[in-house]
């Protein structure tokens, strides 16, 4: 989890609108106070994509529904390790998530 978190930090470090918050037993990255993404203990990345973009996100390779609580969480997906092989993969997921999270009012 920490290795993936460090990779995300290196990508997002210069964005003043990004912060970190302890959530879900780890760290989540927040955009303007709204959850953007977070690494999981199993090496996956949970990504907030919103309900309208969820089907599009799930059509991409190495994704699955986020079922953190045992039930699917609408508007969130998991990206498996195979979909996070290089930093460009992470950058693409940050850009995808920002399509939804970037439109939310700041908290």
N, C-alpha and C. Protein backbone atom coordinates (compact mmCIF):
# COMPACT_ATOMS: atom_id res chain seq x y z
N UNK A 1 0.83 -1.19 0.00
CA UNK A 1 0.00 0.00 0.00
C UNK A 1 0.88 1.26 0.00
N UNK A 2 1.91 1.26 0.81
CA UNK A 2 2.75 2.46 0.93
C UNK A 2 3.51 2.75 -0.37
N UNK A 3 3.92 1.69 -1.07
CA UNK A 3 4.63 1.91 -2.34
C UNK A 3 3.73 2.60 -3.35
N UNK A 4 2.50 2.15 -3.46
CA UNK A 4 1.55 2.78 -4.38
C UNK A 4 1.23 4.20 -3.93
N UNK A 5 1.07 4.41 -2.64
CA UNK A 5 0.81 5.76 -2.12
C UNK A 5 1.96 6.70 -2.47
N UNK A 6 3.18 6.21 -2.38
CA UNK A 6 4.36 7.02 -2.70
C UNK A 6 4.38 7.36 -4.19
N UNK A 7 4.01 6.42 -5.03
CA UNK A 7 3.95 6.69 -6.47
C UNK A 7 2.91 7.78 -6.77
N UNK A 8 1.77 7.71 -6.08
CA UNK A 8 0.72 8.71 -6.27
C UNK A 8 1.20 10.07 -5.78
N UNK A 9 1.85 10.10 -4.64
CA UNK A 9 2.39 11.38 -4.11
C UNK A 9 3.30 12.05 -5.12
N UNK A 10 4.18 11.26 -5.75
CA UNK A 10 5.12 11.83 -6.72
C UNK A 10 4.40 12.43 -7.92
N UNK A 11 3.28 11.87 -8.27
CA UNK A 11 2.51 12.38 -9.41
C UNK A 11 1.71 13.62 -9.02
N UNK A 12 1.15 13.65 -7.84
CA UNK A 12 0.25 14.73 -7.41
C UNK A 12 0.92 15.81 -6.56
N UNK A 13 2.22 15.67 -6.28
CA UNK A 13 2.89 16.51 -5.28
C UNK A 13 2.76 18.01 -5.52
N UNK A 14 2.69 18.45 -6.76
CA UNK A 14 2.70 19.89 -7.02
C UNK A 14 1.31 20.50 -7.16
N UNK A 15 0.27 19.72 -6.92
CA UNK A 15 -1.09 20.24 -7.01
C UNK A 15 -1.52 20.74 -5.63
N UNK A 16 -1.69 22.05 -5.47
CA UNK A 16 -2.05 22.59 -4.15
C UNK A 16 -3.46 22.20 -3.69
N UNK A 17 -4.26 21.65 -4.59
CA UNK A 17 -5.62 21.25 -4.24
C UNK A 17 -5.71 19.82 -3.73
N UNK A 18 -4.58 19.13 -3.68
CA UNK A 18 -4.52 17.74 -3.23
C UNK A 18 -4.11 17.69 -1.77
N UNK A 19 -4.78 16.86 -1.00
CA UNK A 19 -4.40 16.61 0.39
C UNK A 19 -4.55 15.11 0.65
N UNK A 20 -4.07 14.68 1.80
CA UNK A 20 -4.19 13.28 2.20
C UNK A 20 -5.00 13.20 3.47
N UNK A 21 -5.77 12.12 3.57
CA UNK A 21 -6.57 11.89 4.78
C UNK A 21 -6.59 10.40 5.06
N UNK A 22 -6.47 10.04 6.32
CA UNK A 22 -6.57 8.63 6.70
C UNK A 22 -8.02 8.19 6.59
N UNK A 23 -8.25 7.16 5.76
CA UNK A 23 -9.59 6.62 5.54
C UNK A 23 -9.45 5.16 5.12
N UNK A 24 -10.47 4.38 5.35
CA UNK A 24 -10.52 2.99 4.88
C UNK A 24 -9.29 2.19 5.33
N UNK A 25 -8.74 2.50 6.47
CA UNK A 25 -7.58 1.77 6.98
C UNK A 25 -6.29 2.12 6.30
N UNK A 26 -6.27 3.19 5.55
CA UNK A 26 -5.06 3.62 4.85
C UNK A 26 -5.13 5.11 4.60
N UNK A 27 -4.57 5.52 3.50
CA UNK A 27 -4.57 6.93 3.14
C UNK A 27 -5.38 7.11 1.87
N UNK A 28 -6.12 8.20 1.82
CA UNK A 28 -6.84 8.57 0.61
C UNK A 28 -6.35 9.94 0.16
N UNK A 29 -6.33 10.12 -1.13
CA UNK A 29 -5.93 11.40 -1.70
C UNK A 29 -7.21 12.16 -2.03
N UNK A 30 -7.23 13.42 -1.59
CA UNK A 30 -8.41 14.25 -1.70
C UNK A 30 -8.14 15.40 -2.68
N UNK A 31 -9.12 15.72 -3.49
CA UNK A 31 -9.06 16.88 -4.38
C UNK A 31 -10.08 17.88 -3.87
N UNK A 32 -9.61 19.02 -3.42
CA UNK A 32 -10.49 20.05 -2.84
C UNK A 32 -11.35 19.50 -1.72
N UNK A 33 -10.80 18.53 -0.96
CA UNK A 33 -11.50 17.95 0.18
C UNK A 33 -12.40 16.78 -0.16
N UNK A 34 -12.49 16.41 -1.42
CA UNK A 34 -13.31 15.28 -1.87
C UNK A 34 -12.41 14.11 -2.25
N UNK A 35 -12.81 12.90 -1.87
CA UNK A 35 -11.98 11.74 -2.14
C UNK A 35 -11.79 11.54 -3.64
N UNK A 36 -10.52 11.35 -4.04
CA UNK A 36 -10.15 11.10 -5.42
C UNK A 36 -9.78 9.63 -5.61
N UNK A 37 -8.88 9.14 -4.74
CA UNK A 37 -8.39 7.77 -4.88
C UNK A 37 -7.66 7.36 -3.61
N UNK A 38 -7.32 6.08 -3.55
CA UNK A 38 -6.53 5.58 -2.42
C UNK A 38 -6.03 4.17 -2.69
N UNK A 39 -4.81 3.88 -2.29
CA UNK A 39 -4.28 2.53 -2.43
C UNK A 39 -4.89 1.60 -1.38
N UNK A 40 -4.99 0.32 -1.72
CA UNK A 40 -5.52 -0.67 -0.79
C UNK A 40 -4.42 -1.59 -0.31
N UNK A 41 -4.70 -2.32 0.75
CA UNK A 41 -3.73 -3.28 1.29
C UNK A 41 -3.37 -4.37 0.29
N UNK A 42 -4.28 -4.66 -0.63
CA UNK A 42 -4.04 -5.73 -1.60
C UNK A 42 -3.34 -5.24 -2.86
N UNK A 43 -2.92 -3.96 -2.88
CA UNK A 43 -2.17 -3.44 -4.02
C UNK A 43 -3.03 -2.82 -5.11
N UNK A 44 -4.33 -2.79 -4.90
CA UNK A 44 -5.21 -2.16 -5.88
C UNK A 44 -5.34 -0.67 -5.57
N UNK A 45 -5.90 0.04 -6.52
CA UNK A 45 -6.19 1.46 -6.34
C UNK A 45 -7.70 1.63 -6.37
N UNK A 46 -8.26 2.23 -5.33
CA UNK A 46 -9.68 2.56 -5.40
C UNK A 46 -9.77 3.96 -5.97
N UNK A 47 -10.68 4.11 -6.92
CA UNK A 47 -10.81 5.36 -7.66
C UNK A 47 -12.26 5.79 -7.64
N UNK A 48 -12.47 7.06 -7.34
CA UNK A 48 -13.82 7.61 -7.35
C UNK A 48 -14.10 8.18 -8.74
N UNK A 49 -15.04 7.59 -9.44
CA UNK A 49 -15.33 7.99 -10.81
C UNK A 49 -16.73 8.56 -10.97
N UNK A 50 -17.57 8.41 -9.97
CA UNK A 50 -18.95 8.87 -10.07
C UNK A 50 -19.81 7.87 -10.81
N UNK A 51 -21.08 7.93 -10.55
CA UNK A 51 -22.02 6.95 -11.15
C UNK A 51 -22.09 7.07 -12.66
N UNK A 52 -22.03 8.29 -13.19
CA UNK A 52 -22.16 8.47 -14.64
C UNK A 52 -20.97 7.93 -15.43
N UNK A 53 -19.79 7.90 -14.84
CA UNK A 53 -18.59 7.41 -15.53
C UNK A 53 -18.20 5.99 -15.12
N UNK A 54 -18.97 5.40 -14.23
CA UNK A 54 -18.60 4.08 -13.71
C UNK A 54 -18.57 3.01 -14.81
N UNK A 55 -19.56 2.97 -15.68
CA UNK A 55 -19.57 1.96 -16.74
C UNK A 55 -18.37 2.13 -17.67
N UNK A 56 -18.06 3.36 -18.01
CA UNK A 56 -16.89 3.61 -18.86
C UNK A 56 -15.61 3.16 -18.17
N UNK A 57 -15.48 3.49 -16.89
CA UNK A 57 -14.28 3.08 -16.14
C UNK A 57 -14.18 1.56 -16.07
N UNK A 58 -15.30 0.89 -15.84
CA UNK A 58 -15.31 -0.57 -15.71
C UNK A 58 -15.03 -1.26 -17.05
N UNK A 59 -15.18 -0.56 -18.15
CA UNK A 59 -14.90 -1.15 -19.45
C UNK A 59 -13.39 -1.20 -19.73
N UNK A 60 -12.62 -0.52 -18.93
CA UNK A 60 -11.17 -0.51 -19.10
C UNK A 60 -10.57 -1.77 -18.48
N UNK A 61 -9.42 -2.22 -19.01
CA UNK A 61 -8.79 -3.44 -18.48
C UNK A 61 -8.39 -3.30 -17.02
N UNK A 62 -8.39 -4.42 -16.32
CA UNK A 62 -7.89 -4.53 -14.95
C UNK A 62 -8.72 -3.74 -13.94
N UNK A 63 -10.01 -3.61 -14.17
CA UNK A 63 -10.89 -2.92 -13.23
C UNK A 63 -11.97 -3.88 -12.75
N UNK A 64 -12.53 -3.54 -11.60
CA UNK A 64 -13.68 -4.28 -11.09
C UNK A 64 -14.45 -3.38 -10.14
N UNK A 65 -15.66 -3.81 -9.79
CA UNK A 65 -16.45 -3.00 -8.89
C UNK A 65 -15.78 -2.93 -7.52
N UNK A 66 -15.98 -1.82 -6.86
CA UNK A 66 -15.45 -1.67 -5.51
C UNK A 66 -16.47 -2.23 -4.55
N UNK A 67 -16.05 -3.24 -3.80
CA UNK A 67 -16.95 -3.90 -2.86
C UNK A 67 -16.32 -3.96 -1.47
N UNK A 68 -15.80 -2.84 -1.05
CA UNK A 68 -15.08 -2.72 0.22
C UNK A 68 -15.88 -3.26 1.39
N UNK A 69 -17.16 -3.02 1.41
CA UNK A 69 -18.00 -3.43 2.53
C UNK A 69 -18.71 -4.75 2.28
N UNK A 70 -18.39 -5.42 1.16
CA UNK A 70 -19.09 -6.63 0.79
C UNK A 70 -20.23 -6.36 -0.18
N UNK A 71 -20.57 -5.09 -0.35
CA UNK A 71 -21.58 -4.66 -1.31
C UNK A 71 -20.90 -3.69 -2.29
N UNK A 72 -21.36 -3.70 -3.53
CA UNK A 72 -20.79 -2.74 -4.48
C UNK A 72 -21.03 -1.30 -4.02
N UNK A 73 -20.01 -0.47 -4.18
CA UNK A 73 -20.14 0.95 -3.85
C UNK A 73 -20.25 1.70 -5.17
N UNK A 74 -21.40 2.27 -5.41
CA UNK A 74 -21.65 2.99 -6.66
C UNK A 74 -20.73 4.20 -6.78
N UNK A 75 -20.21 4.40 -7.98
CA UNK A 75 -19.36 5.56 -8.25
C UNK A 75 -17.89 5.34 -7.92
N UNK A 76 -17.54 4.14 -7.47
CA UNK A 76 -16.16 3.80 -7.14
C UNK A 76 -15.78 2.52 -7.86
N UNK A 77 -14.52 2.39 -8.22
CA UNK A 77 -14.02 1.15 -8.81
C UNK A 77 -12.67 0.81 -8.18
N UNK A 78 -12.26 -0.42 -8.37
CA UNK A 78 -10.91 -0.86 -8.06
C UNK A 78 -10.15 -1.01 -9.37
N UNK A 79 -8.91 -0.56 -9.39
CA UNK A 79 -7.99 -0.86 -10.48
C UNK A 79 -6.97 -1.83 -9.91
N UNK A 80 -6.88 -3.01 -10.53
CA UNK A 80 -5.98 -4.05 -10.04
C UNK A 80 -4.53 -3.70 -10.35
N UNK A 81 -3.60 -4.35 -9.66
CA UNK A 81 -2.17 -4.08 -9.83
C UNK A 81 -1.72 -4.12 -11.27
N UNK A 82 -2.23 -5.06 -12.06
CA UNK A 82 -1.82 -5.17 -13.46
C UNK A 82 -2.16 -3.92 -14.26
N UNK A 83 -3.10 -3.13 -13.80
CA UNK A 83 -3.46 -1.89 -14.47
C UNK A 83 -2.71 -0.68 -13.95
N UNK A 84 -1.71 -0.92 -13.10
CA UNK A 84 -0.94 0.17 -12.47
C UNK A 84 0.55 -0.06 -12.64
N UNK A 85 0.94 -0.62 -13.77
CA UNK A 85 2.33 -1.03 -13.96
C UNK A 85 3.30 0.14 -14.09
N UNK A 86 2.84 1.27 -14.61
CA UNK A 86 3.75 2.41 -14.73
C UNK A 86 3.03 3.69 -14.30
N UNK A 87 3.79 4.74 -14.15
CA UNK A 87 3.21 5.98 -13.64
C UNK A 87 2.21 6.60 -14.61
N UNK A 88 2.36 6.33 -15.90
CA UNK A 88 1.37 6.84 -16.85
C UNK A 88 0.00 6.22 -16.60
N UNK A 89 -0.02 4.95 -16.19
CA UNK A 89 -1.30 4.31 -15.83
C UNK A 89 -1.96 5.08 -14.69
N UNK A 90 -1.18 5.41 -13.68
CA UNK A 90 -1.73 6.15 -12.53
C UNK A 90 -2.18 7.54 -12.96
N UNK A 91 -1.38 8.22 -13.77
CA UNK A 91 -1.76 9.55 -14.25
C UNK A 91 -3.10 9.49 -15.00
N UNK A 92 -3.28 8.47 -15.83
CA UNK A 92 -4.53 8.35 -16.57
C UNK A 92 -5.71 8.16 -15.63
N UNK A 93 -5.54 7.37 -14.57
CA UNK A 93 -6.63 7.17 -13.62
C UNK A 93 -6.90 8.44 -12.82
N UNK A 94 -5.86 9.21 -12.49
CA UNK A 94 -6.08 10.47 -11.79
C UNK A 94 -6.86 11.44 -12.67
N UNK A 95 -6.52 11.49 -13.95
CA UNK A 95 -7.24 12.35 -14.88
C UNK A 95 -8.69 11.89 -15.03
N UNK A 96 -8.90 10.60 -15.10
CA UNK A 96 -10.25 10.06 -15.23
C UNK A 96 -11.08 10.43 -14.00
N UNK A 97 -10.54 10.20 -12.83
CA UNK A 97 -11.26 10.50 -11.58
C UNK A 97 -11.54 12.00 -11.45
N UNK A 98 -10.61 12.81 -11.92
CA UNK A 98 -10.78 14.25 -11.82
C UNK A 98 -11.95 14.75 -12.65
N UNK A 99 -12.33 14.00 -13.70
CA UNK A 99 -13.51 14.39 -14.49
C UNK A 99 -14.74 14.50 -13.60
N UNK A 100 -14.85 13.61 -12.61
CA UNK A 100 -15.99 13.65 -11.70
C UNK A 100 -15.67 14.50 -10.46
N UNK A 101 -14.62 14.15 -9.78
CA UNK A 101 -14.32 14.78 -8.48
C UNK A 101 -14.01 16.27 -8.65
N UNK A 102 -13.40 16.64 -9.77
CA UNK A 102 -13.07 18.05 -10.00
C UNK A 102 -14.29 18.95 -10.14
N UNK A 103 -15.45 18.38 -10.40
CA UNK A 103 -16.69 19.16 -10.54
C UNK A 103 -17.45 19.30 -9.22
N UNK A 104 -17.02 18.56 -8.21
CA UNK A 104 -17.71 18.63 -6.92
C UNK A 104 -17.35 19.91 -6.18
N UNK A 105 -18.28 20.44 -5.38
CA UNK A 105 -17.95 21.64 -4.58
C UNK A 105 -16.85 21.30 -3.57
N UNK A 106 -15.97 22.25 -3.36
CA UNK A 106 -14.88 22.06 -2.38
C UNK A 106 -15.46 21.92 -0.99
N UNK A 107 -14.78 21.09 -0.18
CA UNK A 107 -15.20 20.92 1.22
C UNK A 107 -14.26 21.66 2.12
